[in-house]
Amino acid sequence: MEKKIQLRTRRYFSDELRREIVKKIERKDLTISGASREYEVSDTSLYRWIYRYSLHLKKGIRLVMEKNSHGEQIKLLKDRLAAMEQVVGQKQMEIDILNKMLEFGSEDVGFDIKKKFGGKSSSGTKTTKGSTSTKQK
């Protein structure tokens, strides 16, 4: 016996009909599987139409979450934060020690070192009293 092969005829849906089907899906008058059965269209084609013609239903970003990856990332960030807090603590201790040294040094020399030498250094562009100008006339 010979087996008959039937070829499916190729159909084309106009943009207008595609938009109408997508609107029905958006209004929830029709489901994807219902539209697939009713119009004899594959789910893949329907999703392509939705992504192209829908105003609200757009293709989303796929985010892959693994069981341990999120927890491990949080642990790494916590460890990094702890290391940074330790560095900040060490720097604060250094500042405190230097301030104490300035305080003891000020007592030894009899004047406040911080006030005398802690200000901004001069840029050297201002003329001071008693200085002579080197401009030639």
Protein backbone atom coordinates (compact mmCIF):
# COMPACT_ATOMS: atom_id res chain seq x y z
CA MET A 1 0.00 0.00 0.00
CA GLU A 2 1.19 3.43 -0.82
CA LYS A 3 1.10 6.12 1.79
CA LYS A 4 -0.36 9.42 0.66
CA ILE A 5 1.50 12.51 1.70
CA GLN A 6 -0.53 15.62 2.22
CA LEU A 7 1.24 18.93 2.15
CA ARG A 8 -0.15 21.73 4.23
CA THR A 9 -0.97 24.84 2.29
CA ARG A 10 1.04 27.87 3.22
CA ARG A 11 -1.13 30.59 4.71
CA TYR A 12 -0.39 34.25 5.19
CA PHE A 13 -2.05 36.36 7.89
CA SER A 14 -2.38 40.06 7.17
CA ASP A 15 -1.04 42.62 9.65
CA GLU A 16 -4.61 43.67 10.38
CA LEU A 17 -5.66 40.13 11.35
CA ARG A 18 -2.49 39.65 13.40
CA ARG A 19 -3.18 42.86 15.32
CA GLU A 20 -6.77 41.77 15.94
CA ILE A 21 -5.63 38.40 17.35
CA VAL A 22 -3.05 40.13 19.55
CA LYS A 23 -5.71 42.55 20.86
CA LYS A 24 -7.93 39.58 21.79
CA ILE A 25 -5.02 38.05 23.66
CA GLU A 26 -4.28 41.36 25.42
CA ARG A 27 -7.91 41.74 26.49
CA LYS A 28 -7.79 38.11 27.70
CA ASP A 29 -10.68 37.22 25.41
CA LEU A 30 -8.44 34.54 23.95
CA THR A 31 -5.50 32.54 25.33
CA ILE A 32 -2.37 31.67 23.39
CA SER A 33 -3.35 28.01 23.18
CA GLY A 34 -6.93 28.94 22.22
CA ALA A 35 -5.71 31.24 19.45
CA SER A 36 -3.32 28.54 18.29
CA ARG A 37 -6.18 26.03 17.96
CA GLU A 38 -8.72 28.47 16.51
CA TYR A 39 -6.45 29.96 13.82
CA GLU A 40 -4.22 26.88 13.39
CA VAL A 41 -1.07 28.90 14.10
CA SER A 42 1.91 27.78 16.14
CA ASP A 43 2.53 29.22 19.60
CA THR A 44 5.88 30.51 18.38
CA SER A 45 4.24 32.54 15.63
CA LEU A 46 1.72 33.95 18.09
CA TYR A 47 4.45 35.05 20.48
CA ARG A 48 6.30 36.71 17.60
CA TRP A 49 3.13 38.60 16.72
CA ILE A 50 2.65 39.64 20.34
CA TYR A 51 6.21 40.96 20.62
CA ARG A 52 5.78 42.87 17.35
CA TYR A 53 2.23 44.27 17.66
CA SER A 54 1.42 44.45 21.36
CA LEU A 55 1.73 47.71 23.25
CA HIS A 56 1.79 46.09 26.68
CA LEU A 57 3.05 42.53 26.31
CA LYS A 58 6.71 42.86 25.41
CA LYS A 59 9.49 40.34 25.48
CA GLY A 60 11.09 40.36 28.88
CA ILE A 61 14.66 39.98 29.95
CA ARG A 62 15.56 36.48 31.00
CA LEU A 63 17.36 36.32 34.32
CA VAL A 64 18.87 32.99 35.28
CA MET A 65 19.02 32.43 39.01
CA GLU A 66 20.89 29.50 40.45
CA LYS A 67 20.33 28.16 43.91
CA ASN A 68 23.75 28.99 45.34
CA SER A 69 24.90 31.87 43.18
CA HIS A 70 22.77 34.53 44.90
CA GLY A 71 23.80 33.42 48.39
CA GLU A 72 27.46 33.21 47.43
CA GLN A 73 27.35 36.69 45.90
CA ILE A 74 25.87 38.11 49.11
CA LYS A 75 28.56 36.36 51.17
CA LEU A 76 31.32 37.78 48.94
CA LEU A 77 29.87 41.29 49.23
CA LYS A 78 29.63 40.97 53.03
CA ASP A 79 33.27 39.81 53.20
CA ARG A 80 34.35 42.72 51.00
CA LEU A 81 32.41 45.18 53.19
CA ALA A 82 34.04 43.76 56.33
CA ALA A 83 37.52 44.16 54.77
CA MET A 84 36.77 47.78 53.82
CA GLU A 85 35.45 48.55 57.30
CA GLN A 86 38.68 47.13 58.72
CA VAL A 87 40.79 49.39 56.47
CA VAL A 88 38.72 52.44 57.46
CA GLY A 89 39.20 51.52 61.14
CA GLN A 90 42.97 51.24 60.68
CA LYS A 91 43.14 54.61 58.92
CA GLN A 92 41.11 56.22 61.70
CA MET A 93 43.52 54.80 64.28
CA GLU A 94 46.46 56.25 62.32
CA ILE A 95 44.75 59.67 62.27
CA ASP A 96 44.11 59.50 66.01
CA ILE A 97 47.75 58.57 66.70
CA LEU A 98 49.05 61.42 64.50
CA ASN A 99 46.73 63.91 66.21
CA LYS A 100 47.96 62.72 69.63
CA MET A 101 51.59 63.08 68.47
CA LEU A 102 50.86 66.66 67.32
CA GLU A 103 49.29 67.34 70.70
CA PHE A 104 52.35 66.03 72.60
CA GLY A 105 54.74 67.83 70.24
CA SER A 106 52.84 71.10 70.79
CA GLU A 107 53.27 70.72 74.56
CA ASP A 108 57.01 70.14 74.13
CA VAL A 109 57.67 73.15 71.87
CA GLY A 110 55.27 75.49 73.65
CA PHE A 111 52.99 76.46 70.74
CA ASP A 112 50.21 74.83 68.76
CA ILE A 113 51.89 73.04 65.84
CA LYS A 114 48.58 72.35 64.17
CA LYS A 115 47.65 76.04 64.05
CA LYS A 116 51.07 77.21 63.00
CA PHE A 117 51.83 74.60 60.36
CA GLY A 118 48.47 72.96 59.70
CA GLY A 119 47.02 75.70 57.48
CA LYS A 120 47.02 75.81 53.72
CA SER A 121 50.39 76.39 52.16
CA SER A 122 50.86 79.56 50.21
CA SER A 123 50.70 79.38 46.45
CA GLY A 124 53.50 81.95 46.26
CA THR A 125 51.64 84.32 43.95
CA LYS A 126 50.65 87.02 46.43
CA THR A 127 52.90 89.96 47.27
CA THR A 128 53.71 90.31 50.93
CA LYS A 129 54.56 93.47 52.88
CA GLY A 130 58.08 94.62 52.39
CA SER A 131 58.72 92.59 49.27
CA THR A 132 60.03 94.39 46.25
CA SER A 133 58.65 94.04 42.83
CA THR A 134 60.99 92.87 40.10
CA LYS A 135 59.10 94.67 37.33
CA GLN A 136 61.19 96.94 35.20
CA LYS A 137 59.76 100.23 34.18
